[in-house]
């Protein structure tokens, strides 16, 4: 994929998410930046996409111990623990591009 090697970091993130649903860790491996950098760029990626008629779809994290779904969470990073059971086995949020 040519879009993975050319353009700005944010353009590369948008290009990769148009084709796949990925976590920040998977994105960081694909475009060779740290996971923290990916999380820092995601709010701006969401704004850029909305101005172009697209949206950043977020599959919310879920506790693997009790099933609690972090529906109200607005951060792009993985939560540290579950508010219901205090467990730390939590899925990472994943991201993709969709139409508005």
PDB file of N, CA and C in Angstrom:
ATOM      1  N   UNK A   1       0.833  -1.191   0.000  1.00  0.00           N
ATOM      2  CA  UNK A   1       0.000   0.000   0.000  1.00  0.00           C
ATOM      3  C   UNK A   1       0.868   1.241   0.000  1.00  0.00           C
ATOM      4  N   UNK A   2       0.719   2.034  -1.007  1.00  0.00           N
ATOM      5  CA  UNK A   2       1.540   3.221  -1.157  1.00  0.00           C
ATOM      6  C   UNK A   2       1.214   4.290  -0.126  1.00  0.00           C
ATOM      7  N   UNK A   3      -0.060   4.376   0.332  1.00  0.00           N
ATOM      8  CA  UNK A   3      -0.478   5.385   1.289  1.00  0.00           C
ATOM      9  C   UNK A   3       0.155   5.238   2.661  1.00  0.00           C
ATOM     10  N   UNK A   4       0.747   4.071   2.932  1.00  0.00           N
ATOM     11  CA  UNK A   4       1.371   3.853   4.233  1.00  0.00           C
ATOM     12  C   UNK A   4       2.749   4.493   4.317  1.00  0.00           C
ATOM     13  N   UNK A   5       3.345   4.809   3.184  1.00  0.00           N
ATOM     14  CA  UNK A   5       4.704   5.340   3.195  1.00  0.00           C
ATOM     15  C   UNK A   5       4.780   6.816   2.821  1.00  0.00           C
ATOM     16  N   UNK A   6       3.696   7.363   2.270  1.00  0.00           N
ATOM     17  CA  UNK A   6       3.727   8.755   1.820  1.00  0.00           C
ATOM     18  C   UNK A   6       2.723   9.590   2.594  1.00  0.00           C
ATOM     19  N   UNK A   7       2.948  10.893   2.627  1.00  0.00           N
ATOM     20  CA  UNK A   7       2.041  11.808   3.309  1.00  0.00           C
ATOM     21  C   UNK A   7       2.432  12.024   4.754  1.00  0.00           C
ATOM     22  N   UNK A   8       1.667  12.894   5.412  1.00  0.00           N
ATOM     23  CA  UNK A   8       1.912  13.181   6.823  1.00  0.00           C
ATOM     24  C   UNK A   8       1.461  11.998   7.672  1.00  0.00           C
ATOM     25  N   UNK A   9       1.820  12.010   8.929  1.00  0.00           N
ATOM     26  CA  UNK A   9       1.418  10.938   9.842  1.00  0.00           C
ATOM     27  C   UNK A   9      -0.101  10.828   9.875  1.00  0.00           C
ATOM     28  N   UNK A  10      -0.790  11.959   9.970  1.00  0.00           N
ATOM     29  CA  UNK A  10      -2.255  11.931  10.042  1.00  0.00           C
ATOM     30  C   UNK A  10      -2.870  11.404   8.754  1.00  0.00           C
ATOM     31  N   UNK A  11      -2.302  11.767   7.618  1.00  0.00           N
ATOM     32  CA  UNK A  11      -2.798  11.242   6.343  1.00  0.00           C
ATOM     33  C   UNK A  11      -2.591   9.737   6.269  1.00  0.00           C
ATOM     34  N   UNK A  12      -1.454   9.272   6.759  1.00  0.00           N
ATOM     35  CA  UNK A  12      -1.174   7.833   6.749  1.00  0.00           C
ATOM     36  C   UNK A  12      -2.144   7.088   7.656  1.00  0.00           C
ATOM     37  N   UNK A  13      -2.465   7.670   8.826  1.00  0.00           N
ATOM     38  CA  UNK A  13      -3.442   7.049   9.730  1.00  0.00           C
ATOM     39  C   UNK A  13      -4.807   6.974   9.047  1.00  0.00           C
ATOM     40  N   UNK A  14      -5.233   8.072   8.416  1.00  0.00           N
ATOM     41  CA  UNK A  14      -6.532   8.076   7.725  1.00  0.00           C
ATOM     42  C   UNK A  14      -6.568   7.032   6.612  1.00  0.00           C
ATOM     43  N   UNK A  15      -5.493   6.943   5.838  1.00  0.00           N
ATOM     44  CA  UNK A  15      -5.446   5.975   4.739  1.00  0.00           C
ATOM     45  C   UNK A  15      -5.563   4.542   5.232  1.00  0.00           C
ATOM     46  N   UNK A  16      -4.865   4.224   6.293  1.00  0.00           N
ATOM     47  CA  UNK A  16      -4.894   2.845   6.786  1.00  0.00           C
ATOM     48  C   UNK A  16      -6.258   2.505   7.400  1.00  0.00           C
ATOM     49  N   UNK A  17      -6.892   3.481   8.051  1.00  0.00           N
ATOM     50  CA  UNK A  17      -8.184   3.218   8.696  1.00  0.00           C
ATOM     51  C   UNK A  17      -9.341   3.176   7.698  1.00  0.00           C
ATOM     52  N   UNK A  18      -9.130   3.645   6.490  1.00  0.00           N
ATOM     53  CA  UNK A  18     -10.175   3.533   5.456  1.00  0.00           C
ATOM     54  C   UNK A  18     -10.372   2.082   5.039  1.00  0.00           C
ATOM     55  N   UNK A  19      -9.350   1.259   5.238  1.00  0.00           N
ATOM     56  CA  UNK A  19      -9.389  -0.126   4.776  1.00  0.00           C
ATOM     57  C   UNK A  19      -9.604  -1.141   5.891  1.00  0.00           C
ATOM     58  N   UNK A  20      -9.258  -0.782   7.129  1.00  0.00           N
ATOM     59  CA  UNK A  20      -9.300  -1.753   8.222  1.00  0.00           C
ATOM     60  C   UNK A  20      -9.723  -1.115   9.534  1.00  0.00           C
ATOM     61  N   UNK A  21     -10.211  -1.955  10.443  1.00  0.00           N
ATOM     62  CA  UNK A  21     -10.535  -1.569  11.814  1.00  0.00           C
ATOM     63  C   UNK A  21      -9.332  -1.986  12.666  1.00  0.00           C
ATOM     64  N   UNK A  22      -8.601  -1.018  13.243  1.00  0.00           N
ATOM     65  CA  UNK A  22      -7.356  -1.312  13.956  1.00  0.00           C
ATOM     66  C   UNK A  22      -7.293  -0.619  15.310  1.00  0.00           C
ATOM     67  N   UNK A  23      -6.531  -1.210  16.235  1.00  0.00           N
ATOM     68  CA  UNK A  23      -6.257  -0.577  17.524  1.00  0.00           C
ATOM     69  C   UNK A  23      -5.084   0.394  17.349  1.00  0.00           C
ATOM     70  N   UNK A  24      -4.874   1.237  18.340  1.00  0.00           N
ATOM     71  CA  UNK A  24      -3.750   2.181  18.265  1.00  0.00           C
ATOM     72  C   UNK A  24      -2.414   1.441  18.208  1.00  0.00           C
ATOM     73  N   UNK A  25      -2.334   0.299  18.864  1.00  0.00           N
ATOM     74  CA  UNK A  25      -1.104  -0.499  18.832  1.00  0.00           C
ATOM     75  C   UNK A  25      -0.836  -1.021  17.419  1.00  0.00           C
ATOM     76  N   UNK A  26      -1.883  -1.504  16.752  1.00  0.00           N
ATOM     77  CA  UNK A  26      -1.730  -2.012  15.385  1.00  0.00           C
ATOM     78  C   UNK A  26      -1.373  -0.890  14.412  1.00  0.00           C
ATOM     79  N   UNK A  27      -1.991   0.276  14.602  1.00  0.00           N
ATOM     80  CA  UNK A  27      -1.672   1.433  13.753  1.00  0.00           C
ATOM     81  C   UNK A  27      -0.207   1.816  13.934  1.00  0.00           C
ATOM     82  N   UNK A  28       0.249   1.849  15.189  1.00  0.00           N
ATOM     83  CA  UNK A  28       1.632   2.260  15.462  1.00  0.00           C
ATOM     84  C   UNK A  28       2.635   1.319  14.795  1.00  0.00           C
ATOM     85  N   UNK A  29       2.339   0.032  14.787  1.00  0.00           N
ATOM     86  CA  UNK A  29       3.236  -0.928  14.135  1.00  0.00           C
ATOM     87  C   UNK A  29       3.245  -0.736  12.623  1.00  0.00           C
ATOM     88  N   UNK A  30       2.073  -0.453  12.043  1.00  0.00           N
ATOM     89  CA  UNK A  30       1.965  -0.320  10.584  1.00  0.00           C
ATOM     90  C   UNK A  30       2.698   0.907  10.054  1.00  0.00           C
ATOM     91  N   UNK A  31       2.657   2.010  10.804  1.00  0.00           N
ATOM     92  CA  UNK A  31       3.270   3.239  10.277  1.00  0.00           C
ATOM     93  C   UNK A  31       4.521   3.659  11.051  1.00  0.00           C
ATOM     94  N   UNK A  32       4.999   2.780  11.925  1.00  0.00           N
ATOM     95  CA  UNK A  32       6.287   2.959  12.618  1.00  0.00           C
ATOM     96  C   UNK A  32       6.380   4.229  13.456  1.00  0.00           C
ATOM     97  N   UNK A  33       5.356   4.452  14.294  1.00  0.00           N
ATOM     98  CA  UNK A  33       5.418   5.501  15.312  1.00  0.00           C
ATOM     99  C   UNK A  33       4.952   4.877  16.623  1.00  0.00           C
ATOM    100  N   UNK A  34       5.144   5.575  17.743  1.00  0.00           N
ATOM    101  CA  UNK A  34       4.744   5.006  19.026  1.00  0.00           C
ATOM    102  C   UNK A  34       3.225   5.039  19.184  1.00  0.00           C
ATOM    103  N   UNK A  35       2.740   4.183  20.065  1.00  0.00           N
ATOM    104  CA  UNK A  35       1.307   4.125  20.343  1.00  0.00           C
ATOM    105  C   UNK A  35       0.816   5.453  20.927  1.00  0.00           C
ATOM    106  N   UNK A  36       1.619   6.078  21.765  1.00  0.00           N
ATOM    107  CA  UNK A  36       1.250   7.379  22.341  1.00  0.00           C
ATOM    108  C   UNK A  36       1.102   8.442  21.257  1.00  0.00           C
ATOM    109  N   UNK A  37       1.965   8.391  20.256  1.00  0.00           N
ATOM    110  CA  UNK A  37       1.860   9.349  19.150  1.00  0.00           C
ATOM    111  C   UNK A  37       0.562   9.138  18.380  1.00  0.00           C
ATOM    112  N   UNK A  38       0.199   7.882  18.151  1.00  0.00           N
ATOM    113  CA  UNK A  38      -1.059   7.583  17.456  1.00  0.00           C
ATOM    114  C   UNK A  38      -2.222   8.183  18.233  1.00  0.00           C
ATOM    115  N   UNK A  39      -2.263   7.955  19.541  1.00  0.00           N
ATOM    116  CA  UNK A  39      -3.357   8.453  20.382  1.00  0.00           C
ATOM    117  C   UNK A  39      -3.398   9.980  20.361  1.00  0.00           C
ATOM    118  N   UNK A  40      -2.237  10.624  20.322  1.00  0.00           N
ATOM    119  CA  UNK A  40      -2.186  12.092  20.237  1.00  0.00           C
ATOM    120  C   UNK A  40      -2.745  12.615  18.921  1.00  0.00           C
ATOM    121  N   UNK A  41      -2.554  11.866  17.842  1.00  0.00           N
ATOM    122  CA  UNK A  41      -3.013  12.300  16.519  1.00  0.00           C
ATOM    123  C   UNK A  41      -4.494  12.014  16.274  1.00  0.00           C
ATOM    124  N   UNK A  42      -5.084  11.041  16.952  1.00  0.00           N
ATOM    125  CA  UNK A  42      -6.450  10.620  16.646  1.00  0.00           C
ATOM    126  C   UNK A  42      -7.511  11.720  16.760  1.00  0.00           C
ATOM    127  N   UNK A  43      -7.479  12.611  17.768  1.00  0.00           N
ATOM    128  CA  UNK A  43      -8.486  13.685  17.790  1.00  0.00           C
ATOM    129  C   UNK A  43      -8.428  14.574  16.542  1.00  0.00           C
ATOM    130  N   UNK A  44      -7.234  14.864  16.061  1.00  0.00           N
ATOM    131  CA  UNK A  44      -7.088  15.684  14.858  1.00  0.00           C
ATOM    132  C   UNK A  44      -7.499  14.918  13.602  1.00  0.00           C
ATOM    133  N   UNK A  45      -7.229  13.621  13.591  1.00  0.00           N
ATOM    134  CA  UNK A  45      -7.679  12.779  12.482  1.00  0.00           C
ATOM    135  C   UNK A  45      -9.201  12.811  12.414  1.00  0.00           C
ATOM    136  N   UNK A  46      -9.864  12.711  13.574  1.00  0.00           N
ATOM    137  CA  UNK A  46     -11.334  12.746  13.619  1.00  0.00           C
ATOM    138  C   UNK A  46     -11.867  14.064  13.059  1.00  0.00           C
ATOM    139  N   UNK A  47     -11.237  15.186  13.420  1.00  0.00           N
ATOM    140  CA  UNK A  47     -11.666  16.496  12.911  1.00  0.00           C
ATOM    141  C   UNK A  47     -11.469  16.598  11.400  1.00  0.00           C
ATOM    142  N   UNK A  48     -10.329  16.148  10.925  1.00  0.00           N
ATOM    143  CA  UNK A  48     -10.053  16.193   9.487  1.00  0.00           C
ATOM    144  C   UNK A  48     -11.051  15.348   8.710  1.00  0.00           C
ATOM    145  N   UNK A  49     -11.363  14.179   9.235  1.00  0.00           N
ATOM    146  CA  UNK A  49     -12.312  13.300   8.555  1.00  0.00           C
ATOM    147  C   UNK A  49     -13.698  13.920   8.489  1.00  0.00           C
ATOM    148  N   UNK A  50     -14.142  14.553   9.588  1.00  0.00           N
ATOM    149  CA  UNK A  50     -15.492  15.127   9.599  1.00  0.00           C
ATOM    150  C   UNK A  50     -15.609  16.280   8.604  1.00  0.00           C
ATOM    151  N   UNK A  51     -14.534  17.017   8.400  1.00  0.00           N
ATOM    152  CA  UNK A  51     -14.583  18.112   7.421  1.00  0.00           C
ATOM    153  C   UNK A  51     -14.641  17.586   5.987  1.00  0.00           C
ATOM    154  N   UNK A  52     -14.294  16.305   5.806  1.00  0.00           N
ATOM    155  CA  UNK A  52     -14.328  15.687   4.473  1.00  0.00           C
ATOM    156  C   UNK A  52     -15.556  14.799   4.276  1.00  0.00           C
ATOM    157  N   UNK A  53     -16.479  14.811   5.257  1.00  0.00           N
ATOM    158  CA  UNK A  53     -17.694  14.013   5.128  1.00  0.00           C
ATOM    159  C   UNK A  53     -17.575  12.591   5.644  1.00  0.00           C
ATOM    160  N   UNK A  54     -16.531  12.313   6.415  1.00  0.00           N
ATOM    161  CA  UNK A  54     -16.323  10.988   6.994  1.00  0.00           C
ATOM    162  C   UNK A  54     -16.319  11.101   8.516  1.00  0.00           C
ATOM    163  N   UNK A  55     -16.339   9.956   9.186  1.00  0.00           N
ATOM    164  CA  UNK A  55     -16.252   9.966  10.646  1.00  0.00           C
ATOM    165  C   UNK A  55     -15.234   8.927  11.099  1.00  0.00           C
ATOM    166  N   UNK A  56     -14.682   9.146  12.278  1.00  0.00           N
ATOM    167  CA  UNK A  56     -13.799   8.166  12.892  1.00  0.00           C
ATOM    168  C   UNK A  56     -14.676   7.297  13.776  1.00  0.00           C
ATOM    169  N   UNK A  57     -14.886   6.052  13.365  1.00  0.00           N
ATOM    170  CA  UNK A  57     -15.698   5.120  14.145  1.00  0.00           C
ATOM    171  C   UNK A  57     -14.824   4.498  15.223  1.00  0.00           C
ATOM    172  N   UNK A  58     -15.361   4.433  16.439  1.00  0.00           N
ATOM    173  CA  UNK A  58     -14.603   3.898  17.567  1.00  0.00           C
ATOM    174  C   UNK A  58     -15.358   2.721  18.156  1.00  0.00           C
ATOM    175  N   UNK A  59     -14.712   1.557  18.166  1.00  0.00           N
ATOM    176  CA  UNK A  59     -15.268   0.395  18.848  1.00  0.00           C
ATOM    177  C   UNK A  59     -14.786   0.495  20.292  1.00  0.00           C
ATOM    178  N   UNK A  60     -15.714   0.726  21.199  1.00  0.00           N
ATOM    179  CA  UNK A  60     -15.385   1.031  22.596  1.00  0.00           C
ATOM    180  C   UNK A  60     -14.731  -0.162  23.299  1.00  0.00           C
ATOM    181  N   UNK A  61     -13.871   0.116  24.292  1.00  0.00           N
ATOM    182  CA  UNK A  61     -13.249  -0.957  25.069  1.00  0.00           C
ATOM    183  C   UNK A  61     -14.276  -1.690  25.926  1.00  0.00           C
ATOM    184  N   UNK A  62     -13.951  -2.927  26.281  1.00  0.00           N
ATOM    185  CA  UNK A  62     -14.846  -3.748  27.096  1.00  0.00           C
ATOM    186  C   UNK A  62     -14.018  -4.546  28.094  1.00  0.00           C
ATOM    187  N   UNK A  63     -14.552  -4.695  29.317  1.00  0.00           N
ATOM    188  CA  UNK A  63     -13.893  -5.495  30.349  1.00  0.00           C
ATOM    189  C   UNK A  63     -14.079  -6.972  30.009  1.00  0.00           C
ATOM    190  N   UNK A  64     -12.996  -7.715  29.982  1.00  0.00           N
ATOM    191  CA  UNK A  64     -13.068  -9.139  29.674  1.00  0.00           C
ATOM    192  C   UNK A  64     -13.508  -9.964  30.878  1.00  0.00           C
ATOM    193  N   UNK A  65     -13.455  -9.384  32.081  1.00  0.00           N
ATOM    194  CA  UNK A  65     -13.860 -10.111  33.286  1.00  0.00           C
ATOM    195  C   UNK A  65     -15.366 -10.055  33.517  1.00  0.00           C
ATOM    196  N   UNK A  66     -15.968  -8.864  33.441  1.00  0.00           N
ATOM    197  CA  UNK A  66     -17.399  -8.728  33.763  1.00  0.00           C
ATOM    198  C   UNK A  66     -18.250  -8.286  32.577  1.00  0.00           C
ATOM    199  N   UNK A  67     -17.627  -7.916  31.462  1.00  0.00           N
ATOM    200  CA  UNK A  67     -18.373  -7.520  30.276  1.00  0.00           C
ATOM    201  C   UNK A  67     -18.769  -6.056  30.220  1.00  0.00           C
ATOM    202  N   UNK A  68     -18.335  -5.250  31.194  1.00  0.00           N
ATOM    203  CA  UNK A  68     -18.681  -3.826  31.201  1.00  0.00           C
ATOM    204  C   UNK A  68     -18.189  -3.156  29.919  1.00  0.00           C
ATOM    205  N   UNK A  69     -19.070  -2.407  29.261  1.00  0.00           N
ATOM    206  CA  UNK A  69     -18.734  -1.686  28.030  1.00  0.00           C
ATOM    207  C   UNK A  69     -18.540  -0.207  28.364  1.00  0.00           C
ATOM    208  N   UNK A  70     -17.423   0.360  27.965  1.00  0.00           N
ATOM    209  CA  UNK A  70     -17.088   1.759  28.237  1.00  0.00           C
ATOM    210  C   UNK A  70     -17.762   2.667  27.208  1.00  0.00           C
ATOM    211  N   UNK A  71     -19.096   2.719  27.207  1.00  0.00           N
ATOM    212  CA  UNK A  71     -19.873   3.463  26.207  1.00  0.00           C
ATOM    213  C   UNK A  71     -19.667   4.973  26.301  1.00  0.00           C
ATOM    214  N   UNK A  72     -19.525   5.495  27.501  1.00  0.00           N
ATOM    215  CA  UNK A  72     -19.436   6.949  27.696  1.00  0.00           C
ATOM    216  C   UNK A  72     -18.010   7.486  27.577  1.00  0.00           C
ATOM    217  N   UNK A  73     -17.043   6.633  27.383  1.00  0.00           N
ATOM    218  CA  UNK A  73     -15.644   7.060  27.343  1.00  0.00           C
ATOM    219  C   UNK A  73     -15.354   7.848  26.068  1.00  0.00           C
ATOM    220  N   UNK A  74     -14.762   9.023  26.238  1.00  0.00           N
ATOM    221  CA  UNK A  74     -14.446   9.854  25.076  1.00  0.00           C
ATOM    222  C   UNK A  74     -12.947   9.849  24.745  1.00  0.00           C
ATOM    223  N   UNK A  75     -12.130   9.322  25.634  1.00  0.00           N
ATOM    224  CA  UNK A  75     -10.690   9.258  25.373  1.00  0.00           C
ATOM    225  C   UNK A  75     -10.392   8.168  24.348  1.00  0.00           C
ATOM    226  N   UNK A  76      -9.286   8.331  23.640  1.00  0.00           N
ATOM    227  CA  UNK A  76      -8.900   7.371  22.618  1.00  0.00           C
ATOM    228  C   UNK A  76      -7.999   6.265  23.169  1.00  0.00           C
ATOM    229  N   UNK A  77      -7.537   6.408  24.406  1.00  0.00           N
ATOM    230  CA  UNK A  77      -6.639   5.421  25.001  1.00  0.00           C
ATOM    231  C   UNK A  77      -7.425   4.327  25.730  1.00  0.00           C
ATOM    232  N   UNK A  78      -6.730   3.242  26.041  1.00  0.00           N
ATOM    233  CA  UNK A  78      -7.325   2.119  26.763  1.00  0.00           C
ATOM    234  C   UNK A  78      -7.464   2.480  28.242  1.00  0.00           C
ATOM    235  N   UNK A  79      -8.616   2.179  28.866  1.00  0.00           N
ATOM    236  CA  UNK A  79      -8.770   2.451  30.301  1.00  0.00           C
ATOM    237  C   UNK A  79      -7.837   1.567  31.131  1.00  0.00           C
ATOM    238  N   UNK A  80      -7.486   2.040  32.310  1.00  0.00           N
ATOM    239  CA  UNK A  80      -6.594   1.285  33.181  1.00  0.00           C
ATOM    240  C   UNK A  80      -7.270   0.141  33.909  1.00  0.00           C
ATOM    241  N   UNK A  81      -8.521   0.366  34.344  1.00  0.00           N
ATOM    242  CA  UNK A  81      -9.253  -0.683  35.050  1.00  0.00           C
ATOM    243  C   UNK A  81     -10.757  -0.477  34.885  1.00  0.00           C
ATOM    244  N   UNK A  82     -11.502  -1.506  35.190  1.00  0.00           N
ATOM    245  CA  UNK A  82     -12.958  -1.481  35.059  1.00  0.00           C
ATOM    246  C   UNK A  82     -13.581  -0.819  36.288  1.00  0.00           C
ATOM    247  N   UNK A  83     -14.518   0.112  36.103  1.00  0.00           N
ATOM    248  CA  UNK A  83     -15.153   0.751  37.255  1.00  0.00           C
ATOM    249  C   UNK A  83     -16.099  -0.188  38.007  1.00  0.00           C
ATOM    250  N   UNK A  84     -16.565  -1.241  37.336  1.00  0.00           N
ATOM    251  CA  UNK A  84     -17.505  -2.163  37.973  1.00  0.00           C
ATOM    252  C   UNK A  84     -16.786  -3.220  38.821  1.00  0.00           C
ATOM    253  N   UNK A  85     -15.824  -3.941  38.225  1.00  0.00           N
ATOM    254  CA  UNK A  85     -15.181  -5.055  38.937  1.00  0.00           C
ATOM    255  C   UNK A  85     -13.726  -4.778  39.299  1.00  0.00           C
ATOM    256  N   UNK A  86     -13.191  -3.645  38.860  1.00  0.00           N
ATOM    257  CA  UNK A  86     -11.798  -3.237  39.097  1.00  0.00           C
ATOM    258  C   UNK A  86     -10.784  -4.107  38.362  1.00  0.00           C
ATOM    259  N   UNK A  87     -11.252  -4.958  37.453  1.00  0.00           N
ATOM    260  CA  UNK A  87     -10.359  -5.801  36.664  1.00  0.00           C
ATOM    261  C   UNK A  87      -9.542  -4.970  35.684  1.00  0.00           C
ATOM    262  N   UNK A  88      -8.426  -5.534  35.253  1.00  0.00           N
ATOM    263  CA  UNK A  88      -7.557  -4.822  34.318  1.00  0.00           C
ATOM    264  C   UNK A  88      -7.492  -5.498  32.948  1.00  0.00           C
ATOM    265  N   UNK A  89      -8.255  -6.564  32.755  1.00  0.00           N
ATOM    266  CA  UNK A  89      -8.298  -7.245  31.450  1.00  0.00           C
ATOM    267  C   UNK A  89      -9.334  -6.533  30.574  1.00  0.00           C
ATOM    268  N   UNK A  90      -8.879  -5.545  29.833  1.00  0.00           N
ATOM    269  CA  UNK A  90      -9.770  -4.688  29.051  1.00  0.00           C
ATOM    270  C   UNK A  90      -9.293  -4.665  27.602  1.00  0.00           C
ATOM    271  N   UNK A  91     -10.245  -4.787  26.674  1.00  0.00           N
ATOM    272  CA  UNK A  91      -9.885  -4.717  25.260  1.00  0.00           C
ATOM    273  C   UNK A  91      -9.500  -3.286  24.896  1.00  0.00           C
ATOM    274  N   UNK A  92      -8.657  -3.160  23.902  1.00  0.00           N
ATOM    275  CA  UNK A  92      -8.278  -1.828  23.421  1.00  0.00           C
ATOM    276  C   UNK A  92      -9.361  -1.306  22.494  1.00  0.00           C
ATOM    277  N   UNK A  93      -9.597   0.004  22.488  1.00  0.00           N
ATOM    278  CA  UNK A  93     -10.535   0.543  21.496  1.00  0.00           C
ATOM    279  C   UNK A  93      -9.938   0.369  20.099  1.00  0.00           C
ATOM    280  N   UNK A  94     -10.804   0.169  19.117  1.00  0.00           N
ATOM    281  CA  UNK A  94     -10.320   0.075  17.738  1.00  0.00           C
ATOM    282  C   UNK A  94     -11.012   1.136  16.892  1.00  0.00           C
ATOM    283  N   UNK A  95     -10.386   1.476  15.791  1.00  0.00           N
ATOM    284  CA  UNK A  95     -10.798   2.628  15.002  1.00  0.00           C
ATOM    285  C   UNK A  95     -10.915   2.267  13.530  1.00  0.00           C
ATOM    286  N   UNK A  96     -11.861   2.918  12.864  1.00  0.00           N
ATOM    287  CA  UNK A  96     -12.022   2.782  11.416  1.00  0.00           C
ATOM    288  C   UNK A  96     -12.659   4.058  10.884  1.00  0.00           C
ATOM    289  N   UNK A  97     -12.654   4.213   9.567  1.00  0.00           N
ATOM    290  CA  UNK A  97     -13.254   5.375   8.922  1.00  0.00           C
ATOM    291  C   UNK A  97     -14.579   4.956   8.307  1.00  0.00           C
ATOM    292  N   UNK A  98     -15.608   5.787   8.525  1.00  0.00           N
ATOM    293  CA  UNK A  98     -16.919   5.540   7.943  1.00  0.00           C
ATOM    294  C   UNK A  98     -17.516   6.830   7.422  1.00  0.00           C
ATOM    295  N   UNK A  99     -18.654   6.713   6.759  1.00  0.00           N
ATOM    296  CA  UNK A  99     -19.364   7.899   6.268  1.00  0.00           C
ATOM    297  C   UNK A  99     -20.123   8.553   7.398  1.00  0.00           C
ATOM    298  N   UNK A 100     -20.296   9.871   7.326  1.00  0.00           N
ATOM    299  CA  UNK A 100     -21.084  10.593   8.332  1.00  0.00           C
ATOM    300  C   UNK A 100     -22.545  10.237   8.231  1.00  0.00           C
TER     301      UNK A 100
END
